[in-house]
Amino acid sequence: MITTKAALRDCATALFQTGIEAADPYKAVLRCLTASQDRLEILLDNTGQKRNGKWPKIHLIAFGKAACPMIEAALEVIPHDRLGRAIAVTNYENLTAIDGVTVLGASHPLPDEAGYNAAKQCAAIADNAKAGELVLVLVSGGGSALIPYPINSITLPEKVRTTDLLLASGANINQINCVRKHLSQLKGGGLCRLIAPADCHALMLSDVIGDDLSTIASGPTVADETTFTQAIEILKAKNIWDAVPQGVRRVLQQGQQGLIPETPKNNDACFALACHTLIGSNRISVNAVVKTAQELGFAAILYSDTLCGEAREAAEKLVLFAKEQAEKFDKKIAIIAGGETTVTLKGNGRGGRNQEMALAFAMHAQKHGLKANWVFLSGGTDGRDGPTEAAGAIVDSGTIQRIMDANLNPADLLADNDSNTALNASHDLLITGATGTNVADVQVLLIQN
């Protein structure tokens, strides 16, 4: 029986770690690849179906926060005599030297020149692959920013400026991707088009809620059904058409007039040689946490595996739900969620969506009188929450008092989007370091009646 708050905090942290381990990129790739004699077998889905071939050369292109462990796993399986060129592009924090692999660091979330140069090297490998060979693409979260490759007539700063304007306009991820795909040589199926006539197979670790393959890293090996016309309409609807760089407007208009090829659609010949396998996702991680909580004797409740919306509002809804559940059960309860909330920046403080949700949860728990012995953890599976060193936070019924004992006002700090300062004062920051994976966020609420 868990009786102390410290033990409850340890349990919440262990459950969060279970979610991270379920998305372990190295193990996920190993589960999908098998080499037997002269064949490589690739798992297609959880039904056990496989794709196999006698590819004479297998080239590796990995990009994203988990690129290094993913390519290391692939190298463990693929016979060395059939290994072609291999490249891994990841964020600077996750950079690891790997024998036989060109490993390059790049900036995330804002693209940089190093990422642009890395993208050109990825494109060269894809373009030089021959018919009958295989290009195994290893995709993980952050891939879109790490390999920026704008079409020749626009510059990287112009593309970044356009994305910044879209973000500030309130455009959703699908709208942003529609525009970005039409300014890129790799996104929106562009990489798959370069790989053809070689075979293509992508192993994908999803950081996208709902696991839309065309959204993960902006779908470099997946068909894009959006158009240049839609991209223009989005920029005009968000009232930023006149603000985007002139070069970007010119490219989109040329595309609309048919002077620049559209992104590849479902009927493009390159996709006849392409397959995909989803090897890890937030949903898979959340299910693993629920299962482990049940094994530990908790009444485990899946609150949501598509958690979204404003972080502080999601926190209050979860508090109210927890109060209802606490009245129903006379045993320890685990309420599990996964997804990706948002924060509307109105202040000048530091934090991230997980820290903001945790601080808001502690405040709403006090406001609504969540009386039980409880602990709430909200963390990013990549180990990074916003521009801070924390993965998120783990709070309890004493958090607000500890903040006030440090002569700080939690409400004022939350209003200033300064959850990091508040939670640092209460010693509630969750520090994991870079985890080497990224499947969005996981929330764990433990209640001991």
Protein backbone atom coordinates (compact mmCIF):
# COMPACT_ATOMS: atom_id res chain seq x y z
CA MET A 1 0.00 0.00 0.00
CA ILE A 2 1.35 3.43 -0.97
CA THR A 3 0.85 5.71 2.00
CA THR A 4 3.30 8.63 1.76
CA LYS A 5 3.33 11.49 -0.71
CA ALA A 6 6.99 10.75 -1.49
CA ALA A 7 6.13 7.16 -2.43
CA LEU A 8 3.26 8.39 -4.57
CA ARG A 9 5.59 10.81 -6.36
CA ASP A 10 8.09 8.01 -6.98
CA CYS A 11 5.32 5.85 -8.41
CA ALA A 12 4.12 8.62 -10.76
CA THR A 13 7.67 9.14 -11.99
CA ALA A 14 8.10 5.40 -12.60
CA LEU A 15 4.85 5.27 -14.57
CA PHE A 16 5.98 8.21 -16.70
CA GLN A 17 9.22 6.34 -17.36
CA THR A 18 7.13 3.34 -18.50
CA GLY A 19 5.59 5.56 -21.17
CA ILE A 20 9.01 6.71 -22.35
CA GLU A 21 10.32 3.14 -22.50
CA ALA A 22 7.30 2.07 -24.57
CA ALA A 23 8.46 4.59 -27.18
CA ASP A 24 12.10 3.53 -26.98
CA PRO A 25 13.21 4.12 -30.59
CA TYR A 26 16.02 1.55 -30.52
CA LYS A 27 13.76 -1.28 -29.34
CA ALA A 28 10.94 -0.18 -31.65
CA VAL A 29 13.16 -0.46 -34.73
CA LEU A 30 14.53 -3.83 -33.62
CA ARG A 31 10.98 -5.15 -33.30
CA CYS A 32 10.35 -4.30 -36.96
CA LEU A 33 13.46 -5.60 -38.70
CA THR A 34 14.65 -9.16 -39.27
CA ALA A 35 17.47 -10.33 -41.51
CA SER A 36 17.47 -13.96 -42.68
CA GLN A 37 20.01 -15.24 -45.18
CA ASP A 38 19.72 -12.91 -48.17
CA ARG A 39 16.45 -11.22 -47.19
CA LEU A 40 15.43 -8.29 -45.02
CA GLU A 41 11.96 -8.51 -43.48
CA ILE A 42 10.15 -5.37 -42.31
CA LEU A 43 7.09 -5.56 -40.06
CA LEU A 44 4.20 -3.62 -41.59
CA ASP A 45 1.72 -3.50 -38.70
CA ASN A 46 0.66 -5.18 -35.46
CA THR A 47 -1.02 -8.03 -37.37
CA GLY A 48 2.36 -9.53 -38.18
CA GLN A 49 2.30 -8.78 -41.91
CA LYS A 50 5.75 -8.20 -43.36
CA ARG A 51 7.44 -6.70 -46.38
CA ASN A 52 10.56 -8.53 -47.50
CA GLY A 53 13.08 -8.26 -50.27
CA LYS A 54 16.54 -9.23 -51.52
CA TRP A 55 17.72 -5.64 -51.78
CA PRO A 56 21.40 -5.58 -52.88
CA LYS A 57 21.92 -2.18 -51.24
CA ILE A 58 20.06 -0.66 -48.31
CA HIS A 59 20.61 3.06 -47.69
CA LEU A 60 19.66 4.67 -44.36
CA ILE A 61 18.29 8.19 -43.90
CA ALA A 62 17.35 9.03 -40.30
CA PHE A 63 16.12 12.40 -39.05
CA GLY A 64 14.47 13.58 -35.85
CA LYS A 65 15.19 13.59 -32.13
CA ALA A 66 15.48 9.78 -32.12
CA ALA A 67 17.58 9.49 -35.29
CA CYS A 68 20.70 8.12 -33.57
CA PRO A 69 19.17 5.20 -31.62
CA MET A 70 16.93 4.35 -34.59
CA ILE A 71 19.82 4.10 -37.03
CA GLU A 72 21.93 2.17 -34.49
CA ALA A 73 19.17 -0.44 -34.26
CA ALA A 74 18.91 -0.69 -38.04
CA LEU A 75 22.68 -1.17 -38.32
CA GLU A 76 22.48 -4.04 -35.85
CA VAL A 77 20.15 -5.96 -38.18
CA ILE A 78 21.14 -5.03 -41.74
CA PRO A 79 24.02 -7.15 -43.13
CA HIS A 80 27.11 -4.97 -43.52
CA ASP A 81 27.82 -6.21 -47.04
CA ARG A 82 24.49 -4.76 -48.21
CA LEU A 83 24.71 -1.47 -46.34
CA GLY A 84 24.85 1.56 -48.61
CA ARG A 85 25.16 5.17 -47.47
CA ALA A 86 23.89 6.11 -44.01
CA ILE A 87 23.09 9.51 -42.50
CA ALA A 88 21.46 10.62 -39.26
CA VAL A 89 20.34 14.18 -38.53
CA THR A 90 19.29 15.04 -35.00
CA ASN A 91 19.12 17.95 -32.56
CA TYR A 92 22.38 18.98 -30.94
CA GLU A 93 21.41 17.58 -27.51
CA ASN A 94 20.95 14.05 -28.89
CA LEU A 95 24.06 13.98 -31.08
CA THR A 96 26.01 10.69 -30.86
CA ALA A 97 28.92 9.49 -32.98
CA ILE A 98 28.15 6.21 -34.81
CA ASP A 99 30.67 4.17 -36.79
CA GLY A 100 29.87 4.08 -40.49
CA VAL A 101 27.23 6.83 -40.26
CA THR A 102 27.40 10.52 -41.13
CA VAL A 103 25.85 12.02 -37.99
CA LEU A 104 24.93 15.69 -38.20
CA GLY A 105 23.49 18.08 -35.63
CA ALA A 106 20.90 20.73 -36.46
CA SER A 107 18.70 23.21 -34.66
CA HIS A 108 15.23 22.53 -33.28
CA PRO A 109 12.59 23.96 -33.14
CA LEU A 110 13.98 26.81 -35.27
CA PRO A 111 15.80 25.54 -38.39
CA ASP A 112 19.39 26.60 -39.04
CA GLU A 113 21.99 26.51 -41.81
CA ALA A 114 23.43 23.23 -40.45
CA GLY A 115 20.03 21.60 -40.92
CA TYR A 116 19.82 22.97 -44.45
CA ASN A 117 23.21 21.46 -45.32
CA ALA A 118 22.18 18.15 -43.70
CA ALA A 119 18.96 18.14 -45.73
CA LYS A 120 20.98 18.50 -48.95
CA GLN A 121 23.03 15.44 -48.00
CA CYS A 122 19.85 13.44 -47.28
CA ALA A 123 18.47 14.50 -50.66
CA ALA A 124 21.67 13.40 -52.42
CA ILE A 125 21.46 9.90 -50.91
CA ALA A 126 17.81 9.64 -51.94
CA ASP A 127 18.42 10.92 -55.46
CA ASN A 128 21.37 8.58 -56.09
CA ALA A 129 19.61 5.39 -54.93
CA LYS A 130 19.12 2.98 -57.84
CA ALA A 131 16.14 0.90 -58.93
CA GLY A 132 16.02 -2.35 -56.97
CA GLU A 133 17.74 -0.83 -53.94
CA LEU A 134 16.00 0.15 -50.69
CA VAL A 135 16.10 3.46 -48.87
CA LEU A 136 15.05 2.88 -45.27
CA VAL A 137 13.83 6.19 -43.82
CA LEU A 138 13.77 6.48 -40.03
CA VAL A 139 11.47 9.32 -38.97
CA SER A 140 10.95 10.77 -35.49
CA GLY A 141 9.65 13.93 -33.87
CA GLY A 142 11.34 17.18 -34.79
CA GLY A 143 12.27 15.92 -38.24
CA SER A 144 10.50 18.73 -40.03
CA ALA A 145 12.65 21.45 -38.47
CA LEU A 146 15.89 19.45 -38.60
CA ILE A 147 16.01 19.00 -42.40
CA PRO A 148 14.75 22.26 -43.92
CA TYR A 149 15.21 22.19 -47.70
CA PRO A 150 13.33 25.03 -49.37
CA ILE A 151 12.81 24.89 -53.11
CA ASN A 152 15.58 26.57 -55.06
CA SER A 153 13.89 29.92 -55.64
CA ILE A 154 13.40 30.83 -51.97
CA THR A 155 15.85 31.10 -49.07
CA LEU A 156 15.78 29.41 -45.68
CA PRO A 157 15.16 32.75 -43.87
CA GLU A 158 12.17 33.39 -46.17
CA LYS A 159 10.70 30.00 -45.35
CA VAL A 160 11.31 30.46 -41.60
CA ARG A 161 9.72 33.92 -41.73
CA THR A 162 6.61 32.47 -43.39
CA THR A 163 6.30 29.75 -40.73
CA ASP A 164 6.70 32.34 -37.95
CA LEU A 165 3.88 34.43 -39.46
CA LEU A 166 1.63 31.37 -39.68
CA LEU A 167 2.29 30.45 -36.05
CA ALA A 168 1.54 33.99 -34.87
CA SER A 169 -1.66 34.07 -36.95
CA GLY A 170 -3.19 31.16 -35.05
CA ALA A 171 -3.00 28.75 -38.00
CA ASN A 172 -3.39 25.09 -37.01
CA ILE A 173 -0.80 22.41 -37.79
CA ASN A 174 -2.60 21.24 -40.93
CA GLN A 175 -2.69 24.78 -42.32
CA ILE A 176 0.97 25.36 -41.47
CA ASN A 177 1.96 22.08 -43.08
CA CYS A 178 -0.01 22.85 -46.24
CA VAL A 179 2.07 25.99 -46.79
CA ARG A 180 5.39 24.46 -45.69
CA LYS A 181 5.00 21.44 -47.96
CA HIS A 182 4.63 23.72 -50.96
CA LEU A 183 7.86 25.54 -50.13
CA SER A 184 9.95 22.40 -49.56
CA GLN A 185 11.81 19.85 -51.67
CA LEU A 186 11.44 17.10 -49.03
CA LYS A 187 8.17 17.63 -47.18
CA GLY A 188 4.80 16.46 -48.51
CA GLY A 189 6.15 13.38 -50.29
CA GLY A 190 9.14 15.17 -51.79
CA LEU A 191 11.67 12.77 -50.28
CA CYS A 192 9.76 9.76 -51.65
CA ARG A 193 9.77 11.35 -55.10
CA LEU A 194 13.56 11.74 -54.89
CA ILE A 195 14.03 8.13 -53.74
CA ALA A 196 12.13 6.65 -56.73
CA PRO A 197 12.83 4.49 -58.68
CA ALA A 198 14.45 2.85 -55.64
CA ASP A 199 12.15 1.24 -53.05
CA CYS A 200 11.22 3.28 -49.99
CA HIS A 201 10.17 2.16 -46.52
CA ALA A 202 9.66 4.54 -43.59
CA LEU A 203 9.68 3.49 -39.95
CA MET A 204 7.87 6.29 -38.13
CA LEU A 205 7.89 7.29 -34.48
CA SER A 206 4.89 9.58 -34.17
CA ASP A 207 4.86 12.81 -32.18
CA VAL A 208 1.49 13.71 -33.71
CA ILE A 209 -1.77 13.13 -31.88
CA GLY A 210 -3.91 10.85 -34.01
CA ASP A 211 -0.84 9.56 -35.87
CA ASP A 212 -1.63 11.13 -39.26
CA LEU A 213 1.36 9.93 -41.29
CA SER A 214 1.21 12.96 -43.59
CA THR A 215 1.71 15.23 -40.57
CA ILE A 216 4.63 13.42 -38.89
CA ALA A 217 7.72 15.49 -39.85
CA SER A 218 5.45 17.03 -42.53
CA GLY A 219 5.12 13.70 -44.35
CA PRO A 220 8.34 13.47 -46.43
CA THR A 221 7.46 9.98 -47.72
CA VAL A 222 3.66 10.37 -47.71
CA ALA A 223 1.31 11.71 -50.39
CA ASP A 224 0.11 15.28 -49.96
CA GLU A 225 -3.45 16.06 -51.00
CA THR A 226 -3.20 19.83 -50.47
CA THR A 227 -2.51 22.30 -53.28
CA PHE A 228 -0.72 25.56 -54.04
CA THR A 229 -4.14 27.23 -54.28
CA GLN A 230 -5.04 26.10 -50.77
CA ALA A 231 -1.72 27.41 -49.46
CA ILE A 232 -2.46 30.83 -50.91
CA GLU A 233 -6.00 30.77 -49.51
CA ILE A 234 -4.68 29.98 -46.03
CA LEU A 235 -2.24 32.90 -46.06
CA LYS A 236 -4.97 35.26 -47.27
CA ALA A 237 -7.52 33.96 -44.75
CA LYS A 238 -5.03 34.58 -41.93
CA ASN A 239 -4.42 38.11 -43.28
CA ILE A 240 -0.69 37.54 -43.73
CA TRP A 241 -0.47 37.17 -47.52
CA ASP A 242 1.01 40.67 -47.94
CA ALA A 243 3.40 40.12 -45.02
CA VAL A 244 5.08 36.93 -46.24
CA PRO A 245 8.28 37.43 -48.27
CA GLN A 246 7.77 38.37 -51.91
CA GLY A 247 9.74 35.31 -53.04
CA VAL A 248 7.32 33.02 -51.23
CA ARG A 249 4.28 34.70 -52.80
CA ARG A 250 5.87 34.39 -56.24
CA VAL A 251 6.57 30.65 -55.80
CA LEU A 252 3.05 29.89 -54.63
CA GLN A 253 1.54 31.82 -57.52
CA GLN A 254 3.79 30.04 -60.01
CA GLY A 255 2.68 26.73 -58.52
CA GLN A 256 -0.95 27.75 -58.81
CA GLN A 257 -0.37 28.54 -62.50
CA GLY A 258 1.24 25.12 -63.07
CA LEU A 259 4.74 26.49 -63.61
CA ILE A 260 6.06 24.51 -60.61
CA PRO A 261 5.09 20.84 -60.08
CA GLU A 262 2.53 20.08 -57.37
CA THR A 263 3.49 18.00 -54.37
CA PRO A 264 3.09 14.27 -55.18
CA LYS A 265 -0.45 12.93 -54.78
CA ASN A 266 -1.71 9.41 -54.02
CA ASN A 267 -1.58 8.37 -57.66
CA ASP A 268 2.07 9.37 -58.08
CA ALA A 269 4.18 6.44 -59.28
CA CYS A 270 6.74 6.92 -56.48
CA PHE A 271 4.24 5.67 -53.87
CA ALA A 272 3.86 2.32 -55.64
CA LEU A 273 7.33 1.52 -54.27
CA ALA A 274 6.78 3.00 -50.80
CA CYS A 275 5.50 1.53 -47.51
CA HIS A 276 5.26 2.80 -43.93
CA THR A 277 5.29 1.30 -40.44
CA LEU A 278 4.17 3.20 -37.34
CA ILE A 279 6.59 1.90 -34.70
CA GLY A 280 5.73 4.13 -31.73
CA SER A 281 3.22 6.77 -30.73
CA ASN A 282 1.68 8.61 -27.80
CA ARG A 283 -1.25 6.20 -27.80
CA ILE A 284 1.09 3.21 -27.50
CA SER A 285 2.91 4.89 -24.59
CA VAL A 286 -0.30 5.85 -22.77
CA ASN A 287 -1.65 2.31 -23.08
CA ALA A 288 1.59 0.99 -21.57
CA VAL A 289 1.21 3.36 -18.59
CA VAL A 290 -2.39 2.26 -18.03
CA LYS A 291 -1.38 -1.41 -18.13
CA THR A 292 1.46 -0.91 -15.65
CA ALA A 293 -0.76 1.10 -13.29
CA GLN A 294 -3.25 -1.78 -13.27
CA GLU A 295 -0.45 -4.22 -12.48
CA LEU A 296 0.50 -2.02 -9.51
CA GLY A 297 -3.02 -2.34 -8.13
CA PHE A 298 -4.45 1.00 -9.17
CA ALA A 299 -7.95 1.49 -10.52
CA ALA A 300 -6.52 2.76 -13.82
CA ILE A 301 -8.64 5.17 -15.85
CA LEU A 302 -7.76 6.38 -19.35
CA TYR A 303 -8.89 10.00 -19.23
CA SER A 304 -7.87 10.84 -22.81
CA ASP A 305 -5.30 9.80 -25.40
CA THR A 306 -5.99 12.93 -27.43
CA LEU A 307 -5.66 15.59 -24.73
CA CYS A 308 -5.54 19.06 -26.26
CA GLY A 309 -6.69 22.62 -25.67
CA GLU A 310 -5.37 25.35 -23.41
CA ALA A 311 -3.15 23.80 -20.74
CA ARG A 312 -4.65 25.61 -17.75
CA GLU A 313 -8.21 24.88 -18.91
CA ALA A 314 -7.38 21.20 -19.44
CA ALA A 315 -5.96 21.16 -15.91
CA GLU A 316 -9.19 22.45 -14.36
CA LYS A 317 -11.29 19.89 -16.26
CA LEU A 318 -9.00 17.13 -15.02
CA VAL A 319 -9.32 18.33 -11.41
CA LEU A 320 -13.12 18.22 -11.63
CA PHE A 321 -12.99 14.75 -13.19
CA ALA A 322 -10.62 13.58 -10.46
CA LYS A 323 -12.98 14.78 -7.74
CA GLU A 324 -15.79 12.70 -9.24
CA GLN A 325 -13.60 9.61 -9.48
CA ALA A 326 -12.24 9.99 -5.95
CA GLU A 327 -15.80 9.74 -4.65
CA LYS A 328 -16.48 6.53 -6.60
CA PHE A 329 -13.50 4.43 -5.53
CA ASP A 330 -12.25 3.41 -2.10
CA LYS A 331 -8.89 2.26 -3.53
CA LYS A 332 -5.94 4.03 -5.09
CA ILE A 333 -6.68 5.56 -8.49
CA ALA A 334 -4.49 6.28 -11.51
CA ILE A 335 -5.90 8.68 -14.08
CA ILE A 336 -3.79 8.62 -17.26
CA ALA A 337 -3.80 10.96 -20.25
CA GLY A 338 -1.71 11.70 -23.30
CA GLY A 339 -1.70 14.32 -25.99
CA GLU A 340 -0.46 17.85 -26.51
CA THR A 341 -2.02 20.91 -24.91
CA THR A 342 -1.27 24.50 -25.93
CA VAL A 343 -0.35 27.73 -24.17
CA THR A 344 -1.43 31.19 -25.27
CA LEU A 345 1.48 33.44 -24.34
CA LYS A 346 0.31 36.60 -22.59
CA GLY A 347 3.24 37.11 -20.22
CA ASN A 348 7.01 37.25 -20.29
CA GLY A 349 7.89 34.28 -18.07
CA ARG A 350 9.50 30.91 -18.80
CA GLY A 351 7.88 27.51 -18.92
CA GLY A 352 6.19 25.06 -21.23
CA ARG A 353 2.77 23.50 -21.66
CA ASN A 354 3.49 20.71 -19.16
CA GLN A 355 4.77 23.04 -16.46
CA GLU A 356 1.85 25.39 -17.02
CA MET A 357 -0.63 22.52 -16.79
CA ALA A 358 0.98 21.21 -13.60
CA LEU A 359 0.95 24.61 -11.88
CA ALA A 360 -2.65 25.23 -12.99
CA PHE A 361 -3.65 21.77 -11.73
CA ALA A 362 -2.22 22.50 -8.28
CA MET A 363 -4.06 25.82 -8.13
CA HIS A 364 -7.38 24.35 -9.30
CA ALA A 365 -7.03 21.38 -6.94
CA GLN A 366 -6.83 23.86 -4.07
CA LYS A 367 -9.67 25.97 -5.48
CA HIS A 368 -12.04 23.01 -5.98
CA GLY A 369 -11.04 21.16 -2.83
CA LEU A 370 -9.42 17.97 -4.11
CA LYS A 371 -8.95 16.60 -0.58
CA ALA A 372 -7.33 13.22 -1.19
CA ASN A 373 -3.63 12.48 -1.08
CA TRP A 374 -2.76 13.17 -4.72
CA VAL A 375 0.22 13.65 -7.06
CA PHE A 376 0.02 14.97 -10.62
CA LEU A 377 2.76 14.65 -13.24
CA SER A 378 2.76 16.21 -16.68
CA GLY A 379 5.81 15.66 -18.85
CA GLY A 380 7.13 15.74 -22.39
CA THR A 381 8.41 12.35 -23.49
CA ASP A 382 11.42 14.00 -25.15
CA GLY A 383 12.59 15.38 -21.81
CA ARG A 384 12.15 18.99 -22.90
CA ASP A 385 9.21 21.25 -22.06
CA GLY A 386 9.37 24.59 -23.80
CA PRO A 387 12.65 26.57 -23.68
CA THR A 388 13.62 25.11 -20.29
CA GLU A 389 15.75 22.33 -18.84
CA ALA A 390 12.69 20.53 -17.46
CA ALA A 391 10.57 17.78 -19.03
CA GLY A 392 7.58 19.09 -17.08
CA ALA A 393 6.62 18.96 -13.43
CA ILE A 394 5.25 16.77 -10.67
CA VAL A 395 3.03 18.57 -8.15
CA ASP A 396 1.08 17.63 -5.03
CA SER A 397 -1.25 19.18 -2.44
CA GLY A 398 1.67 21.04 -0.83
CA THR A 399 2.93 22.71 -4.03
CA ILE A 400 1.05 26.00 -3.69
CA GLN A 401 2.11 26.47 -0.08
CA ARG A 402 5.75 25.80 -0.97
CA ILE A 403 5.58 28.49 -3.67
CA MET A 404 4.06 30.96 -1.21
CA ASP A 405 6.69 30.06 1.40
CA ALA A 406 9.26 31.25 -1.14
CA ASN A 407 7.49 34.66 -1.12
CA LEU A 408 6.05 34.13 -4.59
CA ASN A 409 2.47 34.48 -5.81
CA PRO A 410 1.49 31.41 -7.90
CA ALA A 411 -1.46 33.18 -9.54
CA ASP A 412 0.72 36.08 -10.67
CA LEU A 413 3.36 33.72 -12.01
CA LEU A 414 0.79 31.70 -13.93
CA ALA A 415 -0.65 34.89 -15.41
CA ASP A 416 2.87 35.82 -16.56
CA ASN A 417 3.36 32.33 -18.10
CA ASP A 418 6.18 31.87 -15.57
CA SER A 419 5.43 28.35 -14.39
CA ASN A 420 9.13 27.47 -14.38
CA THR A 421 9.95 30.01 -11.67
CA ALA A 422 7.02 28.86 -9.53
CA LEU A 423 7.78 25.15 -9.82
CA ASN A 424 11.50 25.63 -9.34
CA ALA A 425 10.71 27.37 -6.04
CA SER A 426 8.49 24.47 -4.93
CA HIS A 427 11.11 21.90 -6.04
CA ASP A 428 8.58 20.28 -8.38
CA LEU A 429 10.34 20.44 -11.74
CA LEU A 430 10.68 17.10 -13.52
CA ILE A 431 14.22 16.80 -14.87
CA THR A 432 14.98 13.78 -17.05
CA GLY A 433 17.46 15.09 -19.60
CA ALA A 434 17.06 14.24 -23.28
CA THR A 435 15.30 10.87 -23.57
CA GLY A 436 16.14 10.13 -27.19
CA THR A 437 12.49 9.78 -28.16
CA ASN A 438 9.51 12.05 -28.70
CA VAL A 439 5.84 10.98 -28.67
CA ALA A 440 4.22 14.14 -27.27
CA ASP A 441 3.17 14.37 -23.59
CA VAL A 442 1.98 12.02 -20.85
CA GLN A 443 -0.03 12.94 -17.75
CA VAL A 444 -0.23 10.76 -14.62
CA LEU A 445 -2.56 11.61 -11.73
CA LEU A 446 -2.37 9.30 -8.70
CA ILE A 447 -4.93 9.52 -5.90
CA GLN A 448 -4.68 7.68 -2.58
CA ASN A 449 -7.95 7.89 -0.65
